Amino acid sequence: MQLNSQALAKTVAVLAGAFWFLVMGFSLLTGVGQMTLTTLGSFHPWFTYSWGGWVIIVIEHLIGGYILGYIFAWVYNRFSR
């Protein structure tokens, strides 16, 4: 069985972006998990615990999710033959 690289890449990108969109949005509105997200954010360039950082981390995960999903599908298809 072959995986559709584009479909998997887009799916992983949307899921990763949506996850951070919801988690950061909830945290910024309520303050829950501020220390945890600040610690996780230290692994991301240009991240700050703010609304601007919220946009940056969502964009980073959309791009990173797309790339990782595409690479995973490519490797899977390569070795499943």
PDB file of N, CA and C in Angstrom:
ATOM      1  N   MET A   1       0.841  -1.175   0.000  1.00  0.00           N
ATOM      2  CA  MET A   1       0.000   0.000   0.000  1.00  0.00           C
ATOM      3  C   MET A   1       0.887   1.239   0.000  1.00  0.00           C
ATOM      4  N   GLN A   2       0.583   2.181  -0.832  1.00  0.00           N
ATOM      5  CA  GLN A   2       1.320   3.426  -0.930  1.00  0.00           C
ATOM      6  C   GLN A   2       0.565   4.534  -0.198  1.00  0.00           C
ATOM      7  N   LEU A   3       1.302   5.398   0.455  1.00  0.00           N
ATOM      8  CA  LEU A   3       0.703   6.560   1.096  1.00  0.00           C
ATOM      9  C   LEU A   3       0.744   7.744   0.140  1.00  0.00           C
ATOM     10  N   ASN A   4      -0.290   8.546   0.165  1.00  0.00           N
ATOM     11  CA  ASN A   4      -0.310   9.775  -0.618  1.00  0.00           C
ATOM     12  C   ASN A   4       0.481  10.823   0.166  1.00  0.00           C
ATOM     13  N   SER A   5       1.644  11.186  -0.338  1.00  0.00           N
ATOM     14  CA  SER A   5       2.550  12.084   0.374  1.00  0.00           C
ATOM     15  C   SER A   5       1.926  13.452   0.628  1.00  0.00           C
ATOM     16  N   GLN A   6       1.271  13.995  -0.359  1.00  0.00           N
ATOM     17  CA  GLN A   6       0.667  15.320  -0.205  1.00  0.00           C
ATOM     18  C   GLN A   6      -0.463  15.302   0.826  1.00  0.00           C
ATOM     19  N   ALA A   7      -1.296  14.284   0.777  1.00  0.00           N
ATOM     20  CA  ALA A   7      -2.419  14.203   1.703  1.00  0.00           C
ATOM     21  C   ALA A   7      -1.934  14.035   3.139  1.00  0.00           C
ATOM     22  N   LEU A   8      -0.950  13.170   3.337  1.00  0.00           N
ATOM     23  CA  LEU A   8      -0.430  12.964   4.689  1.00  0.00           C
ATOM     24  C   LEU A   8       0.259  14.222   5.196  1.00  0.00           C
ATOM     25  N   ALA A   9       1.032  14.879   4.346  1.00  0.00           N
ATOM     26  CA  ALA A   9       1.738  16.096   4.742  1.00  0.00           C
ATOM     27  C   ALA A   9       0.746  17.181   5.157  1.00  0.00           C
ATOM     28  N   LYS A  10      -0.309  17.359   4.392  1.00  0.00           N
ATOM     29  CA  LYS A  10      -1.310  18.379   4.720  1.00  0.00           C
ATOM     30  C   LYS A  10      -2.062  18.025   5.998  1.00  0.00           C
ATOM     31  N   THR A  11      -2.355  16.757   6.189  1.00  0.00           N
ATOM     32  CA  THR A  11      -3.063  16.319   7.393  1.00  0.00           C
ATOM     33  C   THR A  11      -2.228  16.549   8.637  1.00  0.00           C
ATOM     34  N   VAL A  12      -0.963  16.164   8.601  1.00  0.00           N
ATOM     35  CA  VAL A  12      -0.086  16.357   9.758  1.00  0.00           C
ATOM     36  C   VAL A  12       0.090  17.850  10.027  1.00  0.00           C
ATOM     37  N   ALA A  13       0.229  18.660   8.984  1.00  0.00           N
ATOM     38  CA  ALA A  13       0.382  20.101   9.156  1.00  0.00           C
ATOM     39  C   ALA A  13      -0.846  20.714   9.830  1.00  0.00           C
ATOM     40  N   VAL A  14      -2.025  20.346   9.370  1.00  0.00           N
ATOM     41  CA  VAL A  14      -3.254  20.901   9.946  1.00  0.00           C
ATOM     42  C   VAL A  14      -3.436  20.446  11.390  1.00  0.00           C
ATOM     43  N   LEU A  15      -3.156  19.183  11.673  1.00  0.00           N
ATOM     44  CA  LEU A  15      -3.295  18.691  13.042  1.00  0.00           C
ATOM     45  C   LEU A  15      -2.298  19.357  13.992  1.00  0.00           C
ATOM     46  N   ALA A  16      -1.054  19.497  13.563  1.00  0.00           N
ATOM     47  CA  ALA A  16      -0.043  20.140  14.402  1.00  0.00           C
ATOM     48  C   ALA A  16      -0.376  21.613  14.624  1.00  0.00           C
ATOM     49  N   GLY A  17      -0.753  22.294  13.560  1.00  0.00           N
ATOM     50  CA  GLY A  17      -1.115  23.710  13.686  1.00  0.00           C
ATOM     51  C   GLY A  17      -2.356  23.912  14.539  1.00  0.00           C
ATOM     52  N   ALA A  18      -3.363  23.078  14.350  1.00  0.00           N
ATOM     53  CA  ALA A  18      -4.606  23.203  15.125  1.00  0.00           C
ATOM     54  C   ALA A  18      -4.365  22.919  16.600  1.00  0.00           C
ATOM     55  N   PHE A  19      -3.515  21.931  16.886  1.00  0.00           N
ATOM     56  CA  PHE A  19      -3.209  21.618  18.283  1.00  0.00           C
ATOM     57  C   PHE A  19      -2.603  22.828  18.986  1.00  0.00           C
ATOM     58  N   TRP A  20      -1.586  23.433  18.393  1.00  0.00           N
ATOM     59  CA  TRP A  20      -0.933  24.581  19.022  1.00  0.00           C
ATOM     60  C   TRP A  20      -1.826  25.805  19.012  1.00  0.00           C
ATOM     61  N   PHE A  21      -2.667  25.948  18.009  1.00  0.00           N
ATOM     62  CA  PHE A  21      -3.628  27.045  17.968  1.00  0.00           C
ATOM     63  C   PHE A  21      -4.545  26.981  19.181  1.00  0.00           C
ATOM     64  N   LEU A  22      -5.081  25.799  19.447  1.00  0.00           N
ATOM     65  CA  LEU A  22      -6.000  25.634  20.572  1.00  0.00           C
ATOM     66  C   LEU A  22      -5.300  25.717  21.921  1.00  0.00           C
ATOM     67  N   VAL A  23      -4.170  25.034  22.060  1.00  0.00           N
ATOM     68  CA  VAL A  23      -3.472  24.994  23.347  1.00  0.00           C
ATOM     69  C   VAL A  23      -2.970  26.376  23.736  1.00  0.00           C
ATOM     70  N   MET A  24      -2.291  27.059  22.819  1.00  0.00           N
ATOM     71  CA  MET A  24      -1.757  28.386  23.136  1.00  0.00           C
ATOM     72  C   MET A  24      -2.885  29.395  23.335  1.00  0.00           C
ATOM     73  N   GLY A  25      -3.911  29.325  22.514  1.00  0.00           N
ATOM     74  CA  GLY A  25      -5.042  30.241  22.667  1.00  0.00           C
ATOM     75  C   GLY A  25      -5.705  30.081  24.018  1.00  0.00           C
ATOM     76  N   PHE A  26      -5.945  28.844  24.420  1.00  0.00           N
ATOM     77  CA  PHE A  26      -6.553  28.581  25.724  1.00  0.00           C
ATOM     78  C   PHE A  26      -5.658  29.072  26.843  1.00  0.00           C
ATOM     79  N   SER A  27      -4.363  28.801  26.728  1.00  0.00           N
ATOM     80  CA  SER A  27      -3.422  29.201  27.768  1.00  0.00           C
ATOM     81  C   SER A  27      -3.316  30.721  27.872  1.00  0.00           C
ATOM     82  N   LEU A  28      -3.276  31.405  26.753  1.00  0.00           N
ATOM     83  CA  LEU A  28      -3.182  32.864  26.790  1.00  0.00           C
ATOM     84  C   LEU A  28      -4.441  33.498  27.363  1.00  0.00           C
ATOM     85  N   LEU A  29      -5.582  32.885  27.126  1.00  0.00           N
ATOM     86  CA  LEU A  29      -6.834  33.437  27.656  1.00  0.00           C
ATOM     87  C   LEU A  29      -7.028  33.145  29.136  1.00  0.00           C
ATOM     88  N   THR A  30      -6.537  31.994  29.607  1.00  0.00           N
ATOM     89  CA  THR A  30      -6.793  31.593  30.995  1.00  0.00           C
ATOM     90  C   THR A  30      -5.556  31.603  31.881  1.00  0.00           C
ATOM     91  N   GLY A  31      -4.379  31.534  31.306  1.00  0.00           N
ATOM     92  CA  GLY A  31      -3.152  31.472  32.096  1.00  0.00           C
ATOM     93  C   GLY A  31      -2.762  30.068  32.513  1.00  0.00           C
ATOM     94  N   VAL A  32      -3.560  29.081  32.164  1.00  0.00           N
ATOM     95  CA  VAL A  32      -3.264  27.689  32.509  1.00  0.00           C
ATOM     96  C   VAL A  32      -2.099  27.191  31.657  1.00  0.00           C
ATOM     97  N   GLY A  33      -1.097  26.613  32.293  1.00  0.00           N
ATOM     98  CA  GLY A  33       0.018  26.024  31.572  1.00  0.00           C
ATOM     99  C   GLY A  33       1.048  27.009  31.068  1.00  0.00           C
ATOM    100  N   GLN A  34       1.075  28.206  31.621  1.00  0.00           N
ATOM    101  CA  GLN A  34       2.008  29.219  31.141  1.00  0.00           C
ATOM    102  C   GLN A  34       3.461  28.768  31.293  1.00  0.00           C
ATOM    103  N   MET A  35       3.812  28.192  32.427  1.00  0.00           N
ATOM    104  CA  MET A  35       5.192  27.768  32.651  1.00  0.00           C
ATOM    105  C   MET A  35       5.578  26.633  31.707  1.00  0.00           C
ATOM    106  N   THR A  36       4.668  25.701  31.503  1.00  0.00           N
ATOM    107  CA  THR A  36       4.946  24.575  30.608  1.00  0.00           C
ATOM    108  C   THR A  36       5.152  25.055  29.176  1.00  0.00           C
ATOM    109  N   LEU A  37       4.283  25.923  28.699  1.00  0.00           N
ATOM    110  CA  LEU A  37       4.404  26.406  27.325  1.00  0.00           C
ATOM    111  C   LEU A  37       5.618  27.311  27.152  1.00  0.00           C
ATOM    112  N   THR A  38       5.968  28.054  28.171  1.00  0.00           N
ATOM    113  CA  THR A  38       7.177  28.867  28.103  1.00  0.00           C
ATOM    114  C   THR A  38       8.410  27.975  28.007  1.00  0.00           C
ATOM    115  N   THR A  39       8.421  26.872  28.763  1.00  0.00           N
ATOM    116  CA  THR A  39       9.534  25.927  28.708  1.00  0.00           C
ATOM    117  C   THR A  39       9.600  25.253  27.341  1.00  0.00           C
ATOM    118  N   LEU A  40       8.469  24.783  26.835  1.00  0.00           N
ATOM    119  CA  LEU A  40       8.449  24.166  25.501  1.00  0.00           C
ATOM    120  C   LEU A  40       8.813  25.174  24.419  1.00  0.00           C
ATOM    121  N   GLY A  41       8.404  26.398  24.602  1.00  0.00           N
ATOM    122  CA  GLY A  41       8.693  27.437  23.633  1.00  0.00           C
ATOM    123  C   GLY A  41      10.163  27.770  23.523  1.00  0.00           C
ATOM    124  N   SER A  42      10.938  27.426  24.541  1.00  0.00           N
ATOM    125  CA  SER A  42      12.373  27.714  24.479  1.00  0.00           C
ATOM    126  C   SER A  42      13.066  26.901  23.390  1.00  0.00           C
ATOM    127  N   PHE A  43      12.428  25.870  22.894  1.00  0.00           N
ATOM    128  CA  PHE A  43      12.975  25.074  21.800  1.00  0.00           C
ATOM    129  C   PHE A  43      12.646  25.667  20.429  1.00  0.00           C
ATOM    130  N   HIS A  44      11.824  26.683  20.390  1.00  0.00           N
ATOM    131  CA  HIS A  44      11.394  27.297  19.132  1.00  0.00           C
ATOM    132  C   HIS A  44      12.012  28.680  18.987  1.00  0.00           C
ATOM    133  N   PRO A  45      12.635  28.940  17.842  1.00  0.00           N
ATOM    134  CA  PRO A  45      13.204  30.277  17.650  1.00  0.00           C
ATOM    135  C   PRO A  45      12.103  31.333  17.556  1.00  0.00           C
ATOM    136  N   TRP A  46      12.369  32.484  18.061  1.00  0.00           N
ATOM    137  CA  TRP A  46      11.482  33.654  18.024  1.00  0.00           C
ATOM    138  C   TRP A  46      10.208  33.486  18.844  1.00  0.00           C
ATOM    139  N   PHE A  47      10.124  32.473  19.699  1.00  0.00           N
ATOM    140  CA  PHE A  47       8.905  32.255  20.472  1.00  0.00           C
ATOM    141  C   PHE A  47       8.918  33.081  21.749  1.00  0.00           C
ATOM    142  N   THR A  48       7.802  33.709  22.025  1.00  0.00           N
ATOM    143  CA  THR A  48       7.553  34.341  23.314  1.00  0.00           C
ATOM    144  C   THR A  48       6.148  33.956  23.735  1.00  0.00           C
ATOM    145  N   TYR A  49       5.910  33.970  25.026  1.00  0.00           N
ATOM    146  CA  TYR A  49       4.571  33.647  25.519  1.00  0.00           C
ATOM    147  C   TYR A  49       3.706  34.900  25.392  1.00  0.00           C
ATOM    148  N   SER A  50       3.193  35.099  24.186  1.00  0.00           N
ATOM    149  CA  SER A  50       2.364  36.262  23.880  1.00  0.00           C
ATOM    150  C   SER A  50       1.501  35.919  22.663  1.00  0.00           C
ATOM    151  N   TRP A  51       0.659  36.856  22.278  1.00  0.00           N
ATOM    152  CA  TRP A  51      -0.173  36.615  21.104  1.00  0.00           C
ATOM    153  C   TRP A  51       0.674  36.546  19.833  1.00  0.00           C
ATOM    154  N   GLY A  52       1.753  37.312  19.783  1.00  0.00           N
ATOM    155  CA  GLY A  52       2.669  37.219  18.647  1.00  0.00           C
ATOM    156  C   GLY A  52       3.362  35.868  18.600  1.00  0.00           C
ATOM    157  N   GLY A  53       3.764  35.369  19.767  1.00  0.00           N
ATOM    158  CA  GLY A  53       4.372  34.046  19.849  1.00  0.00           C
ATOM    159  C   GLY A  53       3.399  32.955  19.465  1.00  0.00           C
ATOM    160  N   TRP A  54       2.130  33.190  19.753  1.00  0.00           N
ATOM    161  CA  TRP A  54       1.071  32.251  19.381  1.00  0.00           C
ATOM    162  C   TRP A  54       1.023  32.091  17.862  1.00  0.00           C
ATOM    163  N   VAL A  55       1.069  33.195  17.156  1.00  0.00           N
ATOM    164  CA  VAL A  55       1.054  33.151  15.686  1.00  0.00           C
ATOM    165  C   VAL A  55       2.306  32.442  15.170  1.00  0.00           C
ATOM    166  N   ILE A  56       3.453  32.775  15.753  1.00  0.00           N
ATOM    167  CA  ILE A  56       4.722  32.195  15.302  1.00  0.00           C
ATOM    168  C   ILE A  56       4.739  30.684  15.500  1.00  0.00           C
ATOM    169  N   ILE A  57       4.319  30.213  16.670  1.00  0.00           N
ATOM    170  CA  ILE A  57       4.391  28.769  16.933  1.00  0.00           C
ATOM    171  C   ILE A  57       3.398  27.999  16.060  1.00  0.00           C
ATOM    172  N   VAL A  58       2.255  28.583  15.759  1.00  0.00           N
ATOM    173  CA  VAL A  58       1.296  27.917  14.874  1.00  0.00           C
ATOM    174  C   VAL A  58       1.871  27.814  13.463  1.00  0.00           C
ATOM    175  N   ILE A  59       2.476  28.886  12.973  1.00  0.00           N
ATOM    176  CA  ILE A  59       3.075  28.858  11.635  1.00  0.00           C
ATOM    177  C   ILE A  59       4.227  27.858  11.583  1.00  0.00           C
ATOM    178  N   GLU A  60       5.075  27.857  12.626  1.00  0.00           N
ATOM    179  CA  GLU A  60       6.188  26.901  12.665  1.00  0.00           C
ATOM    180  C   GLU A  60       5.688  25.461  12.603  1.00  0.00           C
ATOM    181  N   HIS A  61       4.625  25.164  13.327  1.00  0.00           N
ATOM    182  CA  HIS A  61       4.126  23.792  13.340  1.00  0.00           C
ATOM    183  C   HIS A  61       3.370  23.432  12.065  1.00  0.00           C
ATOM    184  N   LEU A  62       2.770  24.400  11.420  1.00  0.00           N
ATOM    185  CA  LEU A  62       2.175  24.122  10.112  1.00  0.00           C
ATOM    186  C   LEU A  62       3.253  23.731   9.112  1.00  0.00           C
ATOM    187  N   ILE A  63       4.331  24.490   9.087  1.00  0.00           N
ATOM    188  CA  ILE A  63       5.428  24.208   8.152  1.00  0.00           C
ATOM    189  C   ILE A  63       6.147  22.920   8.530  1.00  0.00           C
ATOM    190  N   GLY A  64       6.502  22.792   9.817  1.00  0.00           N
ATOM    191  CA  GLY A  64       7.209  21.596  10.272  1.00  0.00           C
ATOM    192  C   GLY A  64       6.382  20.335  10.117  1.00  0.00           C
ATOM    193  N   GLY A  65       5.088  20.414  10.399  1.00  0.00           N
ATOM    194  CA  GLY A  65       4.208  19.264  10.233  1.00  0.00           C
ATOM    195  C   GLY A  65       4.106  18.833   8.790  1.00  0.00           C
ATOM    196  N   TYR A  66       4.055  19.805   7.893  1.00  0.00           N
ATOM    197  CA  TYR A  66       3.994  19.469   6.464  1.00  0.00           C
ATOM    198  C   TYR A  66       5.265  18.743   6.034  1.00  0.00           C
ATOM    199  N   ILE A  67       6.401  19.292   6.424  1.00  0.00           N
ATOM    200  CA  ILE A  67       7.684  18.692   6.028  1.00  0.00           C
ATOM    201  C   ILE A  67       7.833  17.288   6.612  1.00  0.00           C
ATOM    202  N   LEU A  68       7.554  17.136   7.906  1.00  0.00           N
ATOM    203  CA  LEU A  68       7.700  15.820   8.537  1.00  0.00           C
ATOM    204  C   LEU A  68       6.704  14.803   7.990  1.00  0.00           C
ATOM    205  N   GLY A  69       5.477  15.223   7.718  1.00  0.00           N
ATOM    206  CA  GLY A  69       4.497  14.317   7.132  1.00  0.00           C
ATOM    207  C   GLY A  69       4.902  13.856   5.749  1.00  0.00           C
ATOM    208  N   TYR A  70       5.445  14.776   4.966  1.00  0.00           N
ATOM    209  CA  TYR A  70       5.893  14.418   3.620  1.00  0.00           C
ATOM    210  C   TYR A  70       7.078  13.453   3.675  1.00  0.00           C
ATOM    211  N   ILE A  71       8.032  13.744   4.548  1.00  0.00           N
ATOM    212  CA  ILE A  71       9.209  12.872   4.684  1.00  0.00           C
ATOM    213  C   ILE A  71       8.798  11.488   5.167  1.00  0.00           C
ATOM    214  N   PHE A  72       7.890  11.434   6.141  1.00  0.00           N
ATOM    215  CA  PHE A  72       7.435  10.138   6.635  1.00  0.00           C
ATOM    216  C   PHE A  72       6.792   9.318   5.522  1.00  0.00           C
ATOM    217  N   ALA A  73       5.911   9.944   4.737  1.00  0.00           N
ATOM    218  CA  ALA A  73       5.242   9.226   3.646  1.00  0.00           C
ATOM    219  C   ALA A  73       6.254   8.777   2.595  1.00  0.00           C
ATOM    220  N   TRP A  74       7.224   9.622   2.288  1.00  0.00           N
ATOM    221  CA  TRP A  74       8.240   9.265   1.299  1.00  0.00           C
ATOM    222  C   TRP A  74       9.055   8.066   1.772  1.00  0.00           C
ATOM    223  N   VAL A  75       9.494   8.099   3.035  1.00  0.00           N
ATOM    224  CA  VAL A  75      10.282   6.971   3.585  1.00  0.00           C
ATOM    225  C   VAL A  75       9.429   5.710   3.640  1.00  0.00           C
ATOM    226  N   TYR A  76       8.195   5.820   4.067  1.00  0.00           N
ATOM    227  CA  TYR A  76       7.307   4.658   4.128  1.00  0.00           C
ATOM    228  C   TYR A  76       7.127   4.053   2.741  1.00  0.00           C
ATOM    229  N   ASN A  77       6.853   4.893   1.755  1.00  0.00           N
ATOM    230  CA  ASN A  77       6.649   4.381   0.396  1.00  0.00           C
ATOM    231  C   ASN A  77       7.931   3.755  -0.156  1.00  0.00           C
ATOM    232  N   ARG A  78       9.057   4.312   0.208  1.00  0.00           N
ATOM    233  CA  ARG A  78      10.343   3.805  -0.276  1.00  0.00           C
ATOM    234  C   ARG A  78      10.621   2.406   0.264  1.00  0.00           C
ATOM    235  N   PHE A  79      10.339   2.173   1.540  1.00  0.00           N
ATOM    236  CA  PHE A  79      10.647   0.894   2.153  1.00  0.00           C
ATOM    237  C   PHE A  79       9.526  -0.128   2.091  1.00  0.00           C
ATOM    238  N   SER A  80       8.339   0.267   1.662  1.00  0.00           N
ATOM    239  CA  SER A  80       7.227  -0.688   1.630  1.00  0.00           C
ATOM    240  C   SER A  80       7.184  -1.485   0.322  1.00  0.00           C
ATOM    241  N   ARG A  81       8.088  -1.202  -0.563  1.00  0.00           N
ATOM    242  CA  ARG A  81       8.095  -1.922  -1.838  1.00  0.00           C
ATOM    243  C   ARG A  81       8.631  -3.302  -1.717  1.00  0.00           C
TER     244      ARG A  81
END
